[in-house]
PDB file of N, CA and C in Angstrom:
ATOM      1  N   MET A   1     -36.625  27.812  13.594  1.00  0.00           N
ATOM      2  CA  MET A   1     -35.179  27.705  13.614  1.00  0.00           C
ATOM      3  C   MET A   1     -34.756  26.593  12.655  1.00  0.00           C
ATOM      4  N   ALA A   2     -33.783  26.880  11.794  1.00  0.00           N
ATOM      5  CA  ALA A   2     -33.284  25.889  10.844  1.00  0.00           C
ATOM      6  C   ALA A   2     -32.406  24.868  11.559  1.00  0.00           C
ATOM      7  N   ILE A   3     -32.447  23.672  11.060  1.00  0.00           N
ATOM      8  CA  ILE A   3     -31.608  22.601  11.603  1.00  0.00           C
ATOM      9  C   ILE A   3     -30.183  22.788  11.080  1.00  0.00           C
ATOM     10  N   LEU A   4     -29.216  22.692  11.960  1.00  0.00           N
ATOM     11  CA  LEU A   4     -27.804  22.725  11.573  1.00  0.00           C
ATOM     12  C   LEU A   4     -27.355  21.275  11.436  1.00  0.00           C
ATOM     13  N   LYS A   5     -27.029  20.853  10.219  1.00  0.00           N
ATOM     14  CA  LYS A   5     -26.648  19.469   9.971  1.00  0.00           C
ATOM     15  C   LYS A   5     -25.134  19.357   9.893  1.00  0.00           C
ATOM     16  N   CYS A   6     -24.602  18.414  10.672  1.00  0.00           N
ATOM     17  CA  CYS A   6     -23.165  18.141  10.705  1.00  0.00           C
ATOM     18  C   CYS A   6     -22.958  16.648  10.469  1.00  0.00           C
ATOM     19  N   SER A   7     -21.790  16.317  10.024  1.00  0.00           N
ATOM     20  CA  SER A   7     -21.433  14.904   9.945  1.00  0.00           C
ATOM     21  C   SER A   7     -20.044  14.714  10.542  1.00  0.00           C
ATOM     22  N   ILE A   8     -19.731  13.464  10.837  1.00  0.00           N
ATOM     23  CA  ILE A   8     -18.456  13.123  11.466  1.00  0.00           C
ATOM     24  C   ILE A   8     -17.711  12.152  10.557  1.00  0.00           C
ATOM     25  N   ARG A   9     -16.429  12.413  10.379  1.00  0.00           N
ATOM     26  CA  ARG A   9     -15.572  11.508   9.623  1.00  0.00           C
ATOM     27  C   ARG A   9     -14.457  11.019  10.539  1.00  0.00           C
ATOM     28  N   GLU A  10     -14.514   9.747  10.898  1.00  0.00           N
ATOM     29  CA  GLU A  10     -13.488   9.145  11.758  1.00  0.00           C
ATOM     30  C   GLU A  10     -12.258   8.774  10.932  1.00  0.00           C
ATOM     31  N   GLY A  11     -11.106   8.763  11.591  1.00  0.00           N
ATOM     32  CA  GLY A  11      -9.875   8.339  10.928  1.00  0.00           C
ATOM     33  C   GLY A  11      -9.494   9.211   9.751  1.00  0.00           C
ATOM     34  N   SER A  12      -9.787  10.473   9.832  1.00  0.00           N
ATOM     35  CA  SER A  12      -9.561  11.413   8.734  1.00  0.00           C
ATOM     36  C   SER A  12      -8.072  11.719   8.544  1.00  0.00           C
ATOM     37  N   GLY A  13      -7.636  11.671   7.303  1.00  0.00           N
ATOM     38  CA  GLY A  13      -6.261  12.045   6.981  1.00  0.00           C
ATOM     39  C   GLY A  13      -5.998  13.516   7.250  1.00  0.00           C
ATOM     40  N   VAL A  14      -6.982  14.353   6.993  1.00  0.00           N
ATOM     41  CA  VAL A  14      -6.863  15.790   7.263  1.00  0.00           C
ATOM     42  C   VAL A  14      -6.658  16.018   8.757  1.00  0.00           C
ATOM     43  N   ALA A  15      -7.435  15.314   9.569  1.00  0.00           N
ATOM     44  CA  ALA A  15      -7.302  15.446  11.021  1.00  0.00           C
ATOM     45  C   ALA A  15      -5.957  14.891  11.490  1.00  0.00           C
ATOM     46  N   ARG A  16      -5.474  13.847  10.828  1.00  0.00           N
ATOM     47  CA  ARG A  16      -4.162  13.292  11.184  1.00  0.00           C
ATOM     48  C   ARG A  16      -3.063  14.332  10.946  1.00  0.00           C
ATOM     49  N   LEU A  17      -3.139  15.057   9.838  1.00  0.00           N
ATOM     50  CA  LEU A  17      -2.170  16.133   9.570  1.00  0.00           C
ATOM     51  C   LEU A  17      -2.270  17.237  10.621  1.00  0.00           C
ATOM     52  N   ALA A  18      -3.497  17.586  10.981  1.00  0.00           N
ATOM     53  CA  ALA A  18      -3.696  18.613  12.015  1.00  0.00           C
ATOM     54  C   ALA A  18      -3.134  18.142  13.349  1.00  0.00           C
ATOM     55  N   ALA A  19      -3.313  16.862  13.670  1.00  0.00           N
ATOM     56  CA  ALA A  19      -2.789  16.307  14.922  1.00  0.00           C
ATOM     57  C   ALA A  19      -1.265  16.380  14.930  1.00  0.00           C
ATOM     58  N   TRP A  20      -0.651  16.095  13.800  1.00  0.00           N
ATOM     59  CA  TRP A  20       0.804  16.182  13.687  1.00  0.00           C
ATOM     60  C   TRP A  20       1.257  17.627  13.904  1.00  0.00           C
ATOM     61  N   LYS A  21       0.589  18.573  13.245  1.00  0.00           N
ATOM     62  CA  LYS A  21       0.943  20.000  13.374  1.00  0.00           C
ATOM     63  C   LYS A  21       0.780  20.476  14.816  1.00  0.00           C
ATOM     64  N   MET A  22      -0.300  20.033  15.474  1.00  0.00           N
ATOM     65  CA  MET A  22      -0.600  20.479  16.833  1.00  0.00           C
ATOM     66  C   MET A  22       0.091  19.610  17.892  1.00  0.00           C
ATOM     67  N   LYS A  23       0.809  18.581  17.428  1.00  0.00           N
ATOM     68  CA  LYS A  23       1.498  17.652  18.348  1.00  0.00           C
ATOM     69  C   LYS A  23       0.511  17.040  19.359  1.00  0.00           C
ATOM     70  N   SER A  24      -0.588  16.532  18.815  1.00  0.00           N
ATOM     71  CA  SER A  24      -1.656  15.966  19.642  1.00  0.00           C
ATOM     72  C   SER A  24      -2.031  14.579  19.130  1.00  0.00           C
ATOM     73  N   GLY A  25      -2.315  13.681  20.035  1.00  0.00           N
ATOM     74  CA  GLY A  25      -2.739  12.335  19.647  1.00  0.00           C
ATOM     75  C   GLY A  25      -4.212  12.252  19.290  1.00  0.00           C
ATOM     76  N   ARG A  26      -4.991  13.200  19.789  1.00  0.00           N
ATOM     77  CA  ARG A  26      -6.448  13.227  19.549  1.00  0.00           C
ATOM     78  C   ARG A  26      -6.836  14.613  19.084  1.00  0.00           C
ATOM     79  N   ILE A  27      -7.573  14.662  17.980  1.00  0.00           N
ATOM     80  CA  ILE A  27      -7.945  15.979  17.466  1.00  0.00           C
ATOM     81  C   ILE A  27      -9.245  15.893  16.672  1.00  0.00           C
ATOM     82  N   ALA A  28      -9.939  17.013  16.651  1.00  0.00           N
ATOM     83  CA  ALA A  28     -11.089  17.204  15.769  1.00  0.00           C
ATOM     84  C   ALA A  28     -10.833  18.508  15.025  1.00  0.00           C
ATOM     85  N   ILE A  29     -11.139  18.512  13.742  1.00  0.00           N
ATOM     86  CA  ILE A  29     -11.001  19.715  12.928  1.00  0.00           C
ATOM     87  C   ILE A  29     -12.206  19.777  12.004  1.00  0.00           C
ATOM     88  N   VAL A  30     -12.721  20.963  11.801  1.00  0.00           N
ATOM     89  CA  VAL A  30     -13.938  21.143  11.014  1.00  0.00           C
ATOM     90  C   VAL A  30     -13.615  21.754   9.660  1.00  0.00           C
ATOM     91  N   PHE A  31     -14.228  21.188   8.629  1.00  0.00           N
ATOM     92  CA  PHE A  31     -14.233  21.780   7.292  1.00  0.00           C
ATOM     93  C   PHE A  31     -15.682  21.854   6.865  1.00  0.00           C
ATOM     94  N   GLY A  32     -16.207  23.047   6.773  1.00  0.00           N
ATOM     95  CA  GLY A  32     -17.612  23.216   6.411  1.00  0.00           C
ATOM     96  C   GLY A  32     -18.513  22.654   7.482  1.00  0.00           C
ATOM     97  N   SER A  33     -19.226  21.603   7.138  1.00  0.00           N
ATOM     98  CA  SER A  33     -20.139  20.980   8.101  1.00  0.00           C
ATOM     99  C   SER A  33     -19.672  19.594   8.527  1.00  0.00           C
ATOM    100  N   VAL A  34     -18.423  19.264   8.205  1.00  0.00           N
ATOM    101  CA  VAL A  34     -17.882  17.938   8.540  1.00  0.00           C
ATOM    102  C   VAL A  34     -16.852  18.077   9.660  1.00  0.00           C
ATOM    103  N   ILE A  35     -17.054  17.289  10.713  1.00  0.00           N
ATOM    104  CA  ILE A  35     -16.118  17.236  11.835  1.00  0.00           C
ATOM    105  C   ILE A  35     -15.213  16.035  11.598  1.00  0.00           C
ATOM    106  N   HIS A  36     -13.935  16.308  11.344  1.00  0.00           N
ATOM    107  CA  HIS A  36     -12.947  15.269  11.062  1.00  0.00           C
ATOM    108  C   HIS A  36     -12.256  14.878  12.365  1.00  0.00           C
ATOM    109  N   LEU A  37     -12.138  13.580  12.608  1.00  0.00           N
ATOM    110  CA  LEU A  37     -11.541  13.076  13.850  1.00  0.00           C
ATOM    111  C   LEU A  37     -10.284  12.264  13.567  1.00  0.00           C
ATOM    112  N   HIS A  38      -9.339  12.387  14.480  1.00  0.00           N
ATOM    113  CA  HIS A  38      -8.151  11.530  14.472  1.00  0.00           C
ATOM    114  C   HIS A  38      -7.826  11.161  15.912  1.00  0.00           C
ATOM    115  N   GLY A  39      -7.577   9.881  16.145  1.00  0.00           N
ATOM    116  CA  GLY A  39      -7.188   9.409  17.468  1.00  0.00           C
ATOM    117  C   GLY A  39      -8.319   9.341  18.469  1.00  0.00           C
ATOM    118  N   VAL A  40      -9.524   9.531  18.003  1.00  0.00           N
ATOM    119  CA  VAL A  40     -10.708   9.470  18.860  1.00  0.00           C
ATOM    120  C   VAL A  40     -11.853   8.897  18.029  1.00  0.00           C
ATOM    121  N   SER A  41     -12.635   8.042  18.635  1.00  0.00           N
ATOM    122  CA  SER A  41     -13.774   7.458  17.922  1.00  0.00           C
ATOM    123  C   SER A  41     -14.962   8.423  17.968  1.00  0.00           C
ATOM    124  N   ARG A  42     -15.883   8.176  17.101  1.00  0.00           N
ATOM    125  CA  ARG A  42     -17.139   8.942  17.095  1.00  0.00           C
ATOM    126  C   ARG A  42     -17.799   8.871  18.472  1.00  0.00           C
ATOM    127  N   LYS A  43     -17.849   7.657  19.031  1.00  0.00           N
ATOM    128  CA  LYS A  43     -18.496   7.449  20.323  1.00  0.00           C
ATOM    129  C   LYS A  43     -17.807   8.259  21.421  1.00  0.00           C
ATOM    130  N   GLU A  44     -16.476   8.214  21.461  1.00  0.00           N
ATOM    131  CA  GLU A  44     -15.725   8.980  22.468  1.00  0.00           C
ATOM    132  C   GLU A  44     -15.941  10.480  22.291  1.00  0.00           C
ATOM    133  N   PHE A  45     -15.902  10.917  21.047  1.00  0.00           N
ATOM    134  CA  PHE A  45     -16.100  12.337  20.757  1.00  0.00           C
ATOM    135  C   PHE A  45     -17.481  12.796  21.227  1.00  0.00           C
ATOM    136  N   LEU A  46     -18.514  12.065  20.852  1.00  0.00           N
ATOM    137  CA  LEU A  46     -19.887  12.462  21.207  1.00  0.00           C
ATOM    138  C   LEU A  46     -20.141  12.404  22.708  1.00  0.00           C
ATOM    139  N   ALA A  47     -19.356  11.620  23.430  1.00  0.00           N
ATOM    140  CA  ALA A  47     -19.509  11.550  24.889  1.00  0.00           C
ATOM    141  C   ALA A  47     -18.921  12.776  25.588  1.00  0.00           C
ATOM    142  N   ASN A  48     -18.125  13.548  24.882  1.00  0.00           N
ATOM    143  CA  ASN A  48     -17.489  14.738  25.442  1.00  0.00           C
ATOM    144  C   ASN A  48     -18.276  15.973  24.986  1.00  0.00           C
ATOM    145  N   THR A  49     -19.301  16.324  25.740  1.00  0.00           N
ATOM    146  CA  THR A  49     -20.227  17.391  25.342  1.00  0.00           C
ATOM    147  C   THR A  49     -19.533  18.716  25.079  1.00  0.00           C
ATOM    148  N   ALA A  50     -18.590  19.085  25.914  1.00  0.00           N
ATOM    149  CA  ALA A  50     -17.884  20.363  25.710  1.00  0.00           C
ATOM    150  C   ALA A  50     -17.157  20.359  24.370  1.00  0.00           C
ATOM    151  N   TRP A  51     -16.530  19.246  24.030  1.00  0.00           N
ATOM    152  CA  TRP A  51     -15.793  19.149  22.773  1.00  0.00           C
ATOM    153  C   TRP A  51     -16.759  19.222  21.582  1.00  0.00           C
ATOM    154  N   VAL A  52     -17.890  18.546  21.692  1.00  0.00           N
ATOM    155  CA  VAL A  52     -18.903  18.589  20.624  1.00  0.00           C
ATOM    156  C   VAL A  52     -19.391  20.022  20.442  1.00  0.00           C
ATOM    157  N   ARG A  53     -19.682  20.704  21.539  1.00  0.00           N
ATOM    158  CA  ARG A  53     -20.134  22.101  21.445  1.00  0.00           C
ATOM    159  C   ARG A  53     -19.080  22.958  20.758  1.00  0.00           C
ATOM    160  N   HIS A  54     -17.816  22.756  21.106  1.00  0.00           N
ATOM    161  CA  HIS A  54     -16.717  23.516  20.515  1.00  0.00           C
ATOM    162  C   HIS A  54     -16.711  23.337  18.991  1.00  0.00           C
ATOM    163  N   GLU A  55     -16.759  22.095  18.541  1.00  0.00           N
ATOM    164  CA  GLU A  55     -16.687  21.827  17.104  1.00  0.00           C
ATOM    165  C   GLU A  55     -17.958  22.265  16.377  1.00  0.00           C
ATOM    166  N   VAL A  56     -19.108  22.110  17.016  1.00  0.00           N
ATOM    167  CA  VAL A  56     -20.360  22.590  16.409  1.00  0.00           C
ATOM    168  C   VAL A  56     -20.312  24.107  16.246  1.00  0.00           C
ATOM    169  N   ARG A  57     -19.690  24.788  17.192  1.00  0.00           N
ATOM    170  CA  ARG A  57     -19.553  26.243  17.053  1.00  0.00           C
ATOM    171  C   ARG A  57     -18.735  26.592  15.822  1.00  0.00           C
ATOM    172  N   HIS A  58     -17.695  25.789  15.539  1.00  0.00           N
ATOM    173  CA  HIS A  58     -16.929  26.021  14.308  1.00  0.00           C
ATOM    174  C   HIS A  58     -17.800  25.797  13.068  1.00  0.00           C
ATOM    175  N   VAL A  59     -18.683  24.805  13.098  1.00  0.00           N
ATOM    176  CA  VAL A  59     -19.599  24.598  11.969  1.00  0.00           C
ATOM    177  C   VAL A  59     -20.466  25.849  11.790  1.00  0.00           C
ATOM    178  N   ARG A  60     -20.966  26.399  12.886  1.00  0.00           N
ATOM    179  CA  ARG A  60     -21.768  27.626  12.813  1.00  0.00           C
ATOM    180  C   ARG A  60     -20.940  28.789  12.250  1.00  0.00           C
ATOM    181  N   GLN A  61     -19.683  28.882  12.665  1.00  0.00           N
ATOM    182  CA  GLN A  61     -18.807  29.950  12.166  1.00  0.00           C
ATOM    183  C   GLN A  61     -18.631  29.838  10.654  1.00  0.00           C
ATOM    184  N   TYR A  62     -18.425  28.623  10.166  1.00  0.00           N
ATOM    185  CA  TYR A  62     -18.328  28.406   8.719  1.00  0.00           C
ATOM    186  C   TYR A  62     -19.604  28.873   8.032  1.00  0.00           C
ATOM    187  N   GLN A  63     -20.730  28.489   8.611  1.00  0.00           N
ATOM    188  CA  GLN A  63     -22.022  28.837   8.021  1.00  0.00           C
ATOM    189  C   GLN A  63     -22.203  30.358   7.965  1.00  0.00           C
ATOM    190  N   GLU A  64     -21.806  31.024   9.034  1.00  0.00           N
ATOM    191  CA  GLU A  64     -21.958  32.485   9.100  1.00  0.00           C
ATOM    192  C   GLU A  64     -20.995  33.214   8.164  1.00  0.00           C
ATOM    193  N   ALA A  65     -19.744  32.778   8.107  1.00  0.00           N
ATOM    194  CA  ALA A  65     -18.719  33.488   7.348  1.00  0.00           C
ATOM    195  C   ALA A  65     -18.578  33.000   5.912  1.00  0.00           C
ATOM    196  N   GLY A  66     -18.892  31.745   5.668  1.00  0.00           N
ATOM    197  CA  GLY A  66     -18.599  31.143   4.370  1.00  0.00           C
ATOM    198  C   GLY A  66     -17.224  30.496   4.422  1.00  0.00           C
ATOM    199  N   LEU A  67     -17.030  29.497   3.588  1.00  0.00           N
ATOM    200  CA  LEU A  67     -15.809  28.692   3.615  1.00  0.00           C
ATOM    201  C   LEU A  67     -14.537  29.520   3.463  1.00  0.00           C
ATOM    202  N   TRP A  68     -14.434  30.287   2.397  1.00  0.00           N
ATOM    203  CA  TRP A  68     -13.193  31.007   2.118  1.00  0.00           C
ATOM    204  C   TRP A  68     -12.938  32.126   3.106  1.00  0.00           C
ATOM    205  N   ARG A  69     -13.978  32.836   3.471  1.00  0.00           N
ATOM    206  CA  ARG A  69     -13.799  33.922   4.447  1.00  0.00           C
ATOM    207  C   ARG A  69     -13.384  33.375   5.808  1.00  0.00           C
ATOM    208  N   PHE A  70     -14.004  32.255   6.204  1.00  0.00           N
ATOM    209  CA  PHE A  70     -13.621  31.634   7.469  1.00  0.00           C
ATOM    210  C   PHE A  70     -12.139  31.291   7.448  1.00  0.00           C
ATOM    211  N   TRP A  71     -11.707  30.554   6.406  1.00  0.00           N
ATOM    212  CA  TRP A  71     -10.308  30.130   6.358  1.00  0.00           C
ATOM    213  C   TRP A  71      -9.342  31.294   6.260  1.00  0.00           C
ATOM    214  N   TRP A  72      -9.679  32.306   5.485  1.00  0.00           N
ATOM    215  CA  TRP A  72      -8.819  33.479   5.369  1.00  0.00           C
ATOM    216  C   TRP A  72      -8.604  34.110   6.744  1.00  0.00           C
ATOM    217  N   ARG A  73      -9.715  34.385   7.447  1.00  0.00           N
ATOM    218  CA  ARG A  73      -9.623  34.990   8.779  1.00  0.00           C
ATOM    219  C   ARG A  73      -8.885  34.084   9.760  1.00  0.00           C
ATOM    220  N   TYR A  74      -9.181  32.785   9.716  1.00  0.00           N
ATOM    221  CA  TYR A  74      -8.571  31.843  10.651  1.00  0.00           C
ATOM    222  C   TYR A  74      -7.046  31.846  10.486  1.00  0.00           C
ATOM    223  N   VAL A  75      -6.565  31.714   9.265  1.00  0.00           N
ATOM    224  CA  VAL A  75      -5.123  31.649   9.002  1.00  0.00           C
ATOM    225  C   VAL A  75      -4.448  32.980   9.328  1.00  0.00           C
ATOM    226  N   ILE A  76      -5.046  34.077   8.904  1.00  0.00           N
ATOM    227  CA  ILE A  76      -4.470  35.400   9.194  1.00  0.00           C
ATOM    228  C   ILE A  76      -4.392  35.623  10.700  1.00  0.00           C
ATOM    229  N   ASP A  77      -5.463  35.291  11.410  1.00  0.00           N
ATOM    230  CA  ASP A  77      -5.475  35.481  12.864  1.00  0.00           C
ATOM    231  C   ASP A  77      -4.501  34.541  13.570  1.00  0.00           C
ATOM    232  N   TRP A  78      -4.293  33.347  13.029  1.00  0.00           N
ATOM    233  CA  TRP A  78      -3.312  32.421  13.614  1.00  0.00           C
ATOM    234  C   TRP A  78      -1.914  33.043  13.536  1.00  0.00           C
ATOM    235  N   VAL A  79      -1.602  33.605  12.383  1.00  0.00           N
ATOM    236  CA  VAL A  79      -0.298  34.248  12.200  1.00  0.00           C
ATOM    237  C   VAL A  79      -0.166  35.462  13.125  1.00  0.00           C
ATOM    238  N   ARG A  80      -1.221  36.256  13.224  1.00  0.00           N
ATOM    239  CA  ARG A  80      -1.183  37.486  14.026  1.00  0.00           C
ATOM    240  C   ARG A  80      -1.141  37.235  15.529  1.00  0.00           C
ATOM    241  N   TYR A  81      -1.994  36.308  16.001  1.00  0.00           N
ATOM    242  CA  TYR A  81      -2.229  36.172  17.437  1.00  0.00           C
ATOM    243  C   TYR A  81      -1.758  34.853  18.047  1.00  0.00           C
ATOM    244  N   GLY A  82      -1.454  33.861  17.214  1.00  0.00           N
ATOM    245  CA  GLY A  82      -1.169  32.528  17.718  1.00  0.00           C
ATOM    246  C   GLY A  82      -2.463  31.734  17.852  1.00  0.00           C
ATOM    247  N   TYR A  83      -2.346  30.424  17.796  1.00  0.00           N
ATOM    248  CA  TYR A  83      -3.520  29.547  17.760  1.00  0.00           C
ATOM    249  C   TYR A  83      -4.522  29.810  18.881  1.00  0.00           C
ATOM    250  N   TYR A  84      -4.051  29.870  20.111  1.00  0.00           N
ATOM    251  CA  TYR A  84      -4.977  29.961  21.244  1.00  0.00           C
ATOM    252  C   TYR A  84      -5.687  31.303  21.339  1.00  0.00           C
ATOM    253  N   ASN A  85      -5.202  32.295  20.619  1.00  0.00           N
ATOM    254  CA  ASN A  85      -5.824  33.620  20.654  1.00  0.00           C
ATOM    255  C   ASN A  85      -6.605  33.950  19.386  1.00  0.00           C
ATOM    256  N   ILE A  86      -6.780  32.982  18.507  1.00  0.00           N
ATOM    257  CA  ILE A  86      -7.610  33.211  17.319  1.00  0.00           C
ATOM    258  C   ILE A  86      -9.035  33.506  17.802  1.00  0.00           C
ATOM    259  N   PRO A  87      -9.643  34.604  17.355  1.00  0.00           N
ATOM    260  CA  PRO A  87     -11.007  34.904  17.802  1.00  0.00           C
ATOM    261  C   PRO A  87     -11.995  33.751  17.576  1.00  0.00           C
ATOM    262  N   TYR A  88     -11.889  33.040  16.471  1.00  0.00           N
ATOM    263  CA  TYR A  88     -12.776  31.896  16.242  1.00  0.00           C
ATOM    264  C   TYR A  88     -12.578  30.826  17.327  1.00  0.00           C
ATOM    265  N   GLU A  89     -11.335  30.605  17.753  1.00  0.00           N
ATOM    266  CA  GLU A  89     -11.073  29.613  18.804  1.00  0.00           C
ATOM    267  C   GLU A  89     -11.579  30.106  20.162  1.00  0.00           C
ATOM    268  N   GLN A  90     -11.405  31.376  20.431  1.00  0.00           N
ATOM    269  CA  GLN A  90     -11.920  31.927  21.690  1.00  0.00           C
ATOM    270  C   GLN A  90     -13.431  31.772  21.749  1.00  0.00           C
ATOM    271  N   ASP A  91     -14.098  32.068  20.645  1.00  0.00           N
ATOM    272  CA  ASP A  91     -15.554  31.931  20.568  1.00  0.00           C
ATOM    273  C   ASP A  91     -15.972  30.472  20.770  1.00  0.00           C
ATOM    274  N   ALA A  92     -15.254  29.545  20.146  1.00  0.00           N
ATOM    275  CA  ALA A  92     -15.581  28.125  20.286  1.00  0.00           C
ATOM    276  C   ALA A  92     -15.350  27.645  21.719  1.00  0.00           C
ATOM    277  N   ARG A  93     -14.306  28.142  22.366  1.00  0.00           N
ATOM    278  CA  ARG A  93     -14.078  27.755  23.765  1.00  0.00           C
ATOM    279  C   ARG A  93     -15.199  28.278  24.661  1.00  0.00           C
ATOM    280  N   GLU A  94     -15.704  29.459  24.383  1.00  0.00           N
ATOM    281  CA  GLU A  94     -16.851  29.982  25.150  1.00  0.00           C
ATOM    282  C   GLU A  94     -18.083  29.108  24.944  1.00  0.00           C
ATOM    283  N   ALA A  95     -18.257  28.602  23.734  1.00  0.00           N
ATOM    284  CA  ALA A  95     -19.421  27.768  23.414  1.00  0.00           C
ATOM    285  C   ALA A  95     -19.407  26.439  24.160  1.00  0.00           C
ATOM    286  N   GLU A  96     -18.239  26.003  24.617  1.00  0.00           N
ATOM    287  CA  GLU A  96     -18.128  24.718  25.314  1.00  0.00           C
ATOM    288  C   GLU A  96     -19.037  24.640  26.533  1.00  0.00           C
ATOM    289  N   GLY A  97     -19.284  25.751  27.182  1.00  0.00           N
ATOM    290  CA  GLY A  97     -20.118  25.761  28.379  1.00  0.00           C
ATOM    291  C   GLY A  97     -21.552  26.183  28.135  1.00  0.00           C
ATOM    292  N   ASN A  98     -21.923  26.374  26.868  1.00  0.00           N
ATOM    293  CA  ASN A  98     -23.262  26.857  26.532  1.00  0.00           C
ATOM    294  C   ASN A  98     -24.185  25.692  26.191  1.00  0.00           C
ATOM    295  N   PRO A  99     -25.126  25.356  27.085  1.00  0.00           N
ATOM    296  CA  PRO A  99     -26.018  24.223  26.821  1.00  0.00           C
ATOM    297  C   PRO A  99     -26.926  24.442  25.602  1.00  0.00           C
ATOM    298  N   LEU A 100     -27.103  25.678  25.169  1.00  0.00           N
ATOM    299  CA  LEU A 100     -27.950  25.956  24.008  1.00  0.00           C
ATOM    300  C   LEU A 100     -27.222  25.731  22.676  1.00  0.00           C
ATOM    301  N   GLU A 101     -25.920  25.548  22.739  1.00  0.00           N
ATOM    302  CA  GLU A 101     -25.120  25.415  21.502  1.00  0.00           C
ATOM    303  C   GLU A 101     -25.580  24.244  20.635  1.00  0.00           C
ATOM    304  N   LEU A 102     -26.085  23.199  21.245  1.00  0.00           N
ATOM    305  CA  LEU A 102     -26.470  22.004  20.473  1.00  0.00           C
ATOM    306  C   LEU A 102     -27.953  21.986  20.117  1.00  0.00           C
ATOM    307  N   GLU A 103     -28.672  23.049  20.467  1.00  0.00           N
ATOM    308  CA  GLU A 103     -30.094  23.124  20.090  1.00  0.00           C
ATOM    309  C   GLU A 103     -30.220  23.233  18.581  1.00  0.00           C
ATOM    310  N   GLY A 104     -31.085  22.428  18.001  1.00  0.00           N
ATOM    311  CA  GLY A 104     -31.309  22.476  16.566  1.00  0.00           C
ATOM    312  C   GLY A 104     -30.177  21.879  15.754  1.00  0.00           C
ATOM    313  N   VAL A 105     -29.326  21.089  16.374  1.00  0.00           N
ATOM    314  CA  VAL A 105     -28.183  20.473  15.677  1.00  0.00           C
ATOM    315  C   VAL A 105     -28.473  18.999  15.436  1.00  0.00           C
ATOM    316  N   GLU A 106     -28.207  18.563  14.228  1.00  0.00           N
ATOM    317  CA  GLU A 106     -28.339  17.149  13.861  1.00  0.00           C
ATOM    318  C   GLU A 106     -26.964  16.667  13.433  1.00  0.00           C
ATOM    319  N   ILE A 107     -26.437  15.696  14.151  1.00  0.00           N
ATOM    320  CA  ILE A 107     -25.120  15.144  13.813  1.00  0.00           C
ATOM    321  C   ILE A 107     -25.324  13.753  13.227  1.00  0.00           C
ATOM    322  N   ARG A 108     -24.887  13.592  12.004  1.00  0.00           N
ATOM    323  CA  ARG A 108     -25.034  12.293  11.301  1.00  0.00           C
ATOM    324  C   ARG A 108     -23.755  11.506  11.385  1.00  0.00           C
TER     325      ARG A 108
END
């Protein structure tokens, strides 16, 4: 099994914009293999296993679909179904309870 490598960027401007759009004080957003954080420290984020699993699932989705295909589908589905019904988000929410989601994952 290949190692899935992720990294974390705290205090991300991209995540700050996402937090503003989502009207949230704390947010994580993934671009490729980087988990961008706003309003939450790396330590706090990593202590929340369900949240880590959710974001790692998005990293896997990027890997499976590719950057442009992922974003195209994500944006189109957001417009069609609304944020909470995006298939990628539904899949990530399911991953929150899967203890195997973090197997083979290296977070730097």
